[in-house]
Amino acid sequence: SGGLQKEAYWYRVPCVTMRPSTEW
């Protein structure tokens, strides 16, 4: 999720993105 990647940052929780690319 693109939105959840940003939310993770604001929560200060590390994120692992299961995609080859990200808009963030």
PDB file of all heavy atoms in Angstrom:
ATOM      1  N   SER A   1       0.819  -1.206   0.000  1.00  0.00           N
ATOM      2  CA  SER A   1       0.000   0.000   0.000  1.00  0.00           C
ATOM      3  C   SER A   1       0.854   1.258   0.000  1.00  0.00           C
ATOM      4  O   SER A   1       1.724   1.421   0.855  1.00  0.00           O
ATOM      5  CB  SER A   1      -0.892   0.002   1.246  1.00  0.00           C
ATOM      6  OG  SER A   1      -1.483   1.279   1.441  1.00  0.00           O
ATOM      7  N   GLY A   2       0.575   2.147  -0.924  1.00  0.00           N
ATOM      8  CA  GLY A   2       1.281   3.420  -0.942  1.00  0.00           C
ATOM      9  C   GLY A   2       0.978   4.253   0.292  1.00  0.00           C
ATOM     10  O   GLY A   2       1.870   4.800   0.935  1.00  0.00           O
ATOM     11  N   GLY A   3      -0.294   4.342   0.651  1.00  0.00           N
ATOM     12  CA  GLY A   3      -0.670   5.136   1.818  1.00  0.00           C
ATOM     13  C   GLY A   3      -0.101   4.601   3.109  1.00  0.00           C
ATOM     14  O   GLY A   3       0.349   5.368   3.967  1.00  0.00           O
ATOM     15  N   LEU A   4      -0.091   3.290   3.260  1.00  0.00           N
ATOM     16  CA  LEU A   4       0.419   2.697   4.500  1.00  0.00           C
ATOM     17  C   LEU A   4       1.927   2.894   4.636  1.00  0.00           C
ATOM     18  O   LEU A   4       2.442   2.988   5.757  1.00  0.00           O
ATOM     19  CB  LEU A   4       0.051   1.216   4.577  1.00  0.00           C
ATOM     20  CG  LEU A   4       0.326   0.506   5.899  1.00  0.00           C
ATOM     21  CD1 LEU A   4      -0.220   1.266   7.098  1.00  0.00           C
ATOM     22  CD2 LEU A   4      -0.230  -0.909   5.843  1.00  0.00           C
ATOM     23  N   GLN A   5       2.643   3.011   3.535  1.00  0.00           N
ATOM     24  CA  GLN A   5       4.079   3.314   3.621  1.00  0.00           C
ATOM     25  C   GLN A   5       4.282   4.664   4.307  1.00  0.00           C
ATOM     26  O   GLN A   5       5.168   4.807   5.159  1.00  0.00           O
ATOM     27  CB  GLN A   5       4.702   3.359   2.229  1.00  0.00           C
ATOM     28  CG  GLN A   5       4.771   2.030   1.530  1.00  0.00           C
ATOM     29  CD  GLN A   5       5.243   2.195   0.109  1.00  0.00           C
ATOM     30  OE1 GLN A   5       6.334   2.713  -0.127  1.00  0.00           O
ATOM     31  NE2 GLN A   5       4.436   1.775  -0.842  1.00  0.00           N
ATOM     32  N   LYS A   6       3.465   5.650   3.945  1.00  0.00           N
ATOM     33  CA  LYS A   6       3.556   6.963   4.582  1.00  0.00           C
ATOM     34  C   LYS A   6       3.125   6.900   6.044  1.00  0.00           C
ATOM     35  O   LYS A   6       3.766   7.477   6.916  1.00  0.00           O
ATOM     36  CB  LYS A   6       2.682   7.969   3.830  1.00  0.00           C
ATOM     37  CG  LYS A   6       3.229   8.375   2.483  1.00  0.00           C
ATOM     38  CD  LYS A   6       2.271   9.240   1.709  1.00  0.00           C
ATOM     39  CE  LYS A   6       1.910  10.523   2.389  1.00  0.00           C
ATOM     40  NZ  LYS A   6       1.006  11.385   1.602  1.00  0.00           N
ATOM     41  N   GLU A   7       2.023   6.192   6.314  1.00  0.00           N
ATOM     42  CA  GLU A   7       1.560   6.076   7.691  1.00  0.00           C
ATOM     43  C   GLU A   7       2.621   5.415   8.563  1.00  0.00           C
ATOM     44  O   GLU A   7       2.846   5.851   9.700  1.00  0.00           O
ATOM     45  CB  GLU A   7       0.252   5.285   7.742  1.00  0.00           C
ATOM     46  CG  GLU A   7      -0.916   6.054   7.174  1.00  0.00           C
ATOM     47  CD  GLU A   7      -2.180   5.223   7.063  1.00  0.00           C
ATOM     48  OE1 GLU A   7      -2.079   4.016   6.778  1.00  0.00           O
ATOM     49  OE2 GLU A   7      -3.260   5.791   7.258  1.00  0.00           O
ATOM     50  N   ALA A   8       3.270   4.392   8.045  1.00  0.00           N
ATOM     51  CA  ALA A   8       4.336   3.731   8.808  1.00  0.00           C
ATOM     52  C   ALA A   8       5.400   4.748   9.217  1.00  0.00           C
ATOM     53  O   ALA A   8       5.886   4.736  10.350  1.00  0.00           O
ATOM     54  CB  ALA A   8       4.946   2.588   7.993  1.00  0.00           C
ATOM     55  N   TYR A   9       5.777   5.621   8.298  1.00  0.00           N
ATOM     56  CA  TYR A   9       6.783   6.646   8.591  1.00  0.00           C
ATOM     57  C   TYR A   9       6.298   7.540   9.731  1.00  0.00           C
ATOM     58  O   TYR A   9       7.039   7.822  10.672  1.00  0.00           O
ATOM     59  CB  TYR A   9       7.066   7.462   7.340  1.00  0.00           C
ATOM     60  CG  TYR A   9       8.258   8.375   7.453  1.00  0.00           C
ATOM     61  CD1 TYR A   9       9.507   7.956   7.022  1.00  0.00           C
ATOM     62  CD2 TYR A   9       8.146   9.655   7.979  1.00  0.00           C
ATOM     63  CE1 TYR A   9      10.616   8.790   7.113  1.00  0.00           C
ATOM     64  CE2 TYR A   9       9.239  10.495   8.079  1.00  0.00           C
ATOM     65  CZ  TYR A   9      10.470  10.061   7.643  1.00  0.00           C
ATOM     66  OH  TYR A   9      11.566  10.877   7.733  1.00  0.00           O
ATOM     67  N   TRP A  10       5.053   7.985   9.662  1.00  0.00           N
ATOM     68  CA  TRP A  10       4.527   8.855  10.714  1.00  0.00           C
ATOM     69  C   TRP A  10       4.373   8.112  12.032  1.00  0.00           C
ATOM     70  O   TRP A  10       4.508   8.715  13.101  1.00  0.00           O
ATOM     71  CB  TRP A  10       3.200   9.469  10.278  1.00  0.00           C
ATOM     72  CG  TRP A  10       3.355  10.411   9.123  1.00  0.00           C
ATOM     73  CD1 TRP A  10       4.349  11.340   8.949  1.00  0.00           C
ATOM     74  CD2 TRP A  10       2.526  10.506   7.979  1.00  0.00           C
ATOM     75  NE1 TRP A  10       4.172  12.004   7.767  1.00  0.00           N
ATOM     76  CE2 TRP A  10       3.051  11.517   7.146  1.00  0.00           C
ATOM     77  CE3 TRP A  10       1.381   9.843   7.559  1.00  0.00           C
ATOM     78  CZ2 TRP A  10       2.478  11.878   5.944  1.00  0.00           C
ATOM     79  CZ3 TRP A  10       0.803  10.214   6.355  1.00  0.00           C
ATOM     80  CH2 TRP A  10       1.343  11.213   5.561  1.00  0.00           C
ATOM     81  N   TYR A  11       4.083   6.807  11.988  1.00  0.00           N
ATOM     82  CA  TYR A  11       4.008   6.004  13.211  1.00  0.00           C
ATOM     83  C   TYR A  11       5.397   5.692  13.759  1.00  0.00           C
ATOM     84  O   TYR A  11       5.519   5.189  14.870  1.00  0.00           O
ATOM     85  CB  TYR A  11       3.326   4.659  12.939  1.00  0.00           C
ATOM     86  CG  TYR A  11       1.874   4.694  12.554  1.00  0.00           C
ATOM     87  CD1 TYR A  11       1.383   3.769  11.637  1.00  0.00           C
ATOM     88  CD2 TYR A  11       0.976   5.603  13.110  1.00  0.00           C
ATOM     89  CE1 TYR A  11       0.047   3.748  11.284  1.00  0.00           C
ATOM     90  CE2 TYR A  11      -0.352   5.592  12.752  1.00  0.00           C
ATOM     91  CZ  TYR A  11      -0.820   4.666  11.844  1.00  0.00           C
ATOM     92  OH  TYR A  11      -2.146   4.636  11.493  1.00  0.00           O
ATOM     93  N   ARG A  12       6.431   5.899  12.958  1.00  0.00           N
ATOM     94  CA  ARG A  12       7.809   5.548  13.298  1.00  0.00           C
ATOM     95  C   ARG A  12       7.967   4.034  13.424  1.00  0.00           C
ATOM     96  O   ARG A  12       8.686   3.522  14.278  1.00  0.00           O
ATOM     97  CB  ARG A  12       8.289   6.289  14.551  1.00  0.00           C
ATOM     98  CG  ARG A  12       8.224   7.815  14.394  1.00  0.00           C
ATOM     99  CD  ARG A  12       8.872   8.596  15.478  1.00  0.00           C
ATOM    100  NE  ARG A  12      10.273   8.304  15.661  1.00  0.00           N
ATOM    101  CZ  ARG A  12      11.284   8.734  14.890  1.00  0.00           C
ATOM    102  NH1 ARG A  12      11.029   9.493  13.853  1.00  0.00           N
ATOM    103  NH2 ARG A  12      12.529   8.425  15.180  1.00  0.00           N
ATOM    104  N   VAL A  13       7.286   3.330  12.521  1.00  0.00           N
ATOM    105  CA  VAL A  13       7.369   1.879  12.420  1.00  0.00           C
ATOM    106  C   VAL A  13       8.057   1.566  11.097  1.00  0.00           C
ATOM    107  O   VAL A  13       7.646   2.078  10.051  1.00  0.00           O
ATOM    108  CB  VAL A  13       5.962   1.232  12.448  1.00  0.00           C
ATOM    109  CG1 VAL A  13       6.026  -0.259  12.167  1.00  0.00           C
ATOM    110  CG2 VAL A  13       5.284   1.501  13.795  1.00  0.00           C
ATOM    111  N   PRO A  14       9.120   0.768  11.092  1.00  0.00           N
ATOM    112  CA  PRO A  14       9.796   0.462   9.827  1.00  0.00           C
ATOM    113  C   PRO A  14       8.854  -0.263   8.864  1.00  0.00           C
ATOM    114  O   PRO A  14       7.992  -1.032   9.289  1.00  0.00           O
ATOM    115  CB  PRO A  14      10.973  -0.417  10.233  1.00  0.00           C
ATOM    116  CG  PRO A  14      10.640  -0.937  11.584  1.00  0.00           C
ATOM    117  CD  PRO A  14       9.710   0.047  12.227  1.00  0.00           C
ATOM    118  N   CYS A  15       9.059   0.002   7.585  1.00  0.00           N
ATOM    119  CA  CYS A  15       8.186  -0.538   6.553  1.00  0.00           C
ATOM    120  C   CYS A  15       8.978  -1.400   5.571  1.00  0.00           C
ATOM    121  O   CYS A  15      10.101  -1.050   5.188  1.00  0.00           O
ATOM    122  CB  CYS A  15       7.513   0.618   5.809  1.00  0.00           C
ATOM    123  SG  CYS A  15       6.258   0.099   4.628  1.00  0.00           S
ATOM    124  N   VAL A  16       8.377  -2.504   5.168  1.00  0.00           N
ATOM    125  CA  VAL A  16       8.907  -3.378   4.125  1.00  0.00           C
ATOM    126  C   VAL A  16       7.866  -3.361   3.010  1.00  0.00           C
ATOM    127  O   VAL A  16       6.722  -3.771   3.227  1.00  0.00           O
ATOM    128  CB  VAL A  16       9.130  -4.811   4.656  1.00  0.00           C
ATOM    129  CG1 VAL A  16       9.515  -5.750   3.531  1.00  0.00           C
ATOM    130  CG2 VAL A  16      10.184  -4.805   5.760  1.00  0.00           C
ATOM    131  N   THR A  17       8.259  -2.859   1.855  1.00  0.00           N
ATOM    132  CA  THR A  17       7.311  -2.712   0.751  1.00  0.00           C
ATOM    133  C   THR A  17       7.488  -3.837  -0.249  1.00  0.00           C
ATOM    134  O   THR A  17       8.561  -3.992  -0.849  1.00  0.00           O
ATOM    135  CB  THR A  17       7.472  -1.333   0.083  1.00  0.00           C
ATOM    136  OG1 THR A  17       7.174  -0.330   1.067  1.00  0.00           O
ATOM    137  CG2 THR A  17       6.534  -1.174  -1.093  1.00  0.00           C
ATOM    138  N   MET A  18       6.404  -4.580  -0.434  1.00  0.00           N
ATOM    139  CA  MET A  18       6.414  -5.753  -1.301  1.00  0.00           C
ATOM    140  C   MET A  18       5.962  -5.359  -2.705  1.00  0.00           C
ATOM    141  O   MET A  18       4.936  -5.801  -3.211  1.00  0.00           O
ATOM    142  CB  MET A  18       5.538  -6.849  -0.678  1.00  0.00           C
ATOM    143  CG  MET A  18       6.076  -7.281   0.683  1.00  0.00           C
ATOM    144  SD  MET A  18       5.058  -8.464   1.589  1.00  0.00           S
ATOM    145  CE  MET A  18       3.600  -7.498   1.956  1.00  0.00           C
ATOM    146  N   ARG A  19       6.774  -4.501  -3.301  1.00  0.00           N
ATOM    147  CA  ARG A  19       6.585  -4.000  -4.665  1.00  0.00           C
ATOM    148  C   ARG A  19       7.975  -3.728  -5.228  1.00  0.00           C
ATOM    149  O   ARG A  19       8.919  -3.527  -4.473  1.00  0.00           O
ATOM    150  CB  ARG A  19       5.785  -2.692  -4.655  1.00  0.00           C
ATOM    151  CG  ARG A  19       4.354  -2.853  -4.244  1.00  0.00           C
ATOM    152  CD  ARG A  19       3.635  -1.537  -4.027  1.00  0.00           C
ATOM    153  NE  ARG A  19       3.836  -0.549  -5.062  1.00  0.00           N
ATOM    154  CZ  ARG A  19       3.552   0.742  -4.912  1.00  0.00           C
ATOM    155  NH1 ARG A  19       3.070   1.202  -3.770  1.00  0.00           N
ATOM    156  NH2 ARG A  19       3.754   1.594  -5.880  1.00  0.00           N
ATOM    157  N   PRO A  20       8.096  -3.651  -6.544  1.00  0.00           N
ATOM    158  CA  PRO A  20       9.406  -3.348  -7.121  1.00  0.00           C
ATOM    159  C   PRO A  20       9.767  -1.863  -7.065  1.00  0.00           C
ATOM    160  O   PRO A  20      10.923  -1.493  -7.247  1.00  0.00           O
ATOM    161  CB  PRO A  20       9.278  -3.823  -8.568  1.00  0.00           C
ATOM    162  CG  PRO A  20       7.819  -3.750  -8.865  1.00  0.00           C
ATOM    163  CD  PRO A  20       7.117  -4.046  -7.562  1.00  0.00           C
ATOM    164  N   SER A  21       8.779  -0.995  -6.804  1.00  0.00           N
ATOM    165  CA  SER A  21       9.026   0.442  -6.767  1.00  0.00           C
ATOM    166  C   SER A  21       8.025   1.095  -5.829  1.00  0.00           C
ATOM    167  O   SER A  21       7.069   0.466  -5.383  1.00  0.00           O
ATOM    168  CB  SER A  21       8.891   1.049  -8.175  1.00  0.00           C
ATOM    169  OG  SER A  21       7.552   0.877  -8.640  1.00  0.00           O
ATOM    170  N   THR A  22       8.262   2.367  -5.532  1.00  0.00           N
ATOM    171  CA  THR A  22       7.349   3.115  -4.673  1.00  0.00           C
ATOM    172  C   THR A  22       7.288   4.561  -5.126  1.00  0.00           C
ATOM    173  O   THR A  22       8.281   5.104  -5.645  1.00  0.00           O
ATOM    174  CB  THR A  22       7.783   3.060  -3.194  1.00  0.00           C
ATOM    175  OG1 THR A  22       6.832   3.808  -2.420  1.00  0.00           O
ATOM    176  CG2 THR A  22       9.175   3.614  -2.966  1.00  0.00           C
ATOM    177  N   GLU A  23       6.144   5.168  -4.927  1.00  0.00           N
ATOM    178  CA  GLU A  23       6.009   6.602  -5.176  1.00  0.00           C
ATOM    179  C   GLU A  23       6.552   7.411  -4.014  1.00  0.00           C
ATOM    180  O   GLU A  23       6.769   8.602  -4.123  1.00  0.00           O
ATOM    181  CB  GLU A  23       4.550   6.981  -5.472  1.00  0.00           C
ATOM    182  CG  GLU A  23       3.521   6.489  -4.491  1.00  0.00           C
ATOM    183  CD  GLU A  23       3.134   5.016  -4.684  1.00  0.00           C
ATOM    184  OE1 GLU A  23       2.894   4.566  -5.798  1.00  0.00           O
ATOM    185  OE2 GLU A  23       3.084   4.322  -3.660  1.00  0.00           O
ATOM    186  N   TRP A  24       6.832   6.758  -2.885  1.00  0.00           N
ATOM    187  CA  TRP A  24       7.326   7.443  -1.680  1.00  0.00           C
ATOM    188  C   TRP A  24       8.815   7.168  -1.495  1.00  0.00           C
ATOM    189  O   TRP A  24       9.245   6.641  -0.471  1.00  0.00           O
ATOM    190  CB  TRP A  24       6.505   7.026  -0.453  1.00  0.00           C
ATOM    191  CG  TRP A  24       5.053   7.266  -0.712  1.00  0.00           C
ATOM    192  CD1 TRP A  24       4.077   6.321  -0.854  1.00  0.00           C
ATOM    193  CD2 TRP A  24       4.422   8.525  -0.928  1.00  0.00           C
ATOM    194  NE1 TRP A  24       2.883   6.918  -1.136  1.00  0.00           N
ATOM    195  CE2 TRP A  24       3.062   8.269  -1.188  1.00  0.00           C
ATOM    196  CE3 TRP A  24       4.879   9.843  -0.940  1.00  0.00           C
ATOM    197  CZ2 TRP A  24       2.145   9.291  -1.450  1.00  0.00           C
ATOM    198  CZ3 TRP A  24       3.964  10.856  -1.206  1.00  0.00           C
ATOM    199  CH2 TRP A  24       2.629  10.567  -1.454  1.00  0.00           C
TER     200      TRP A  24
END
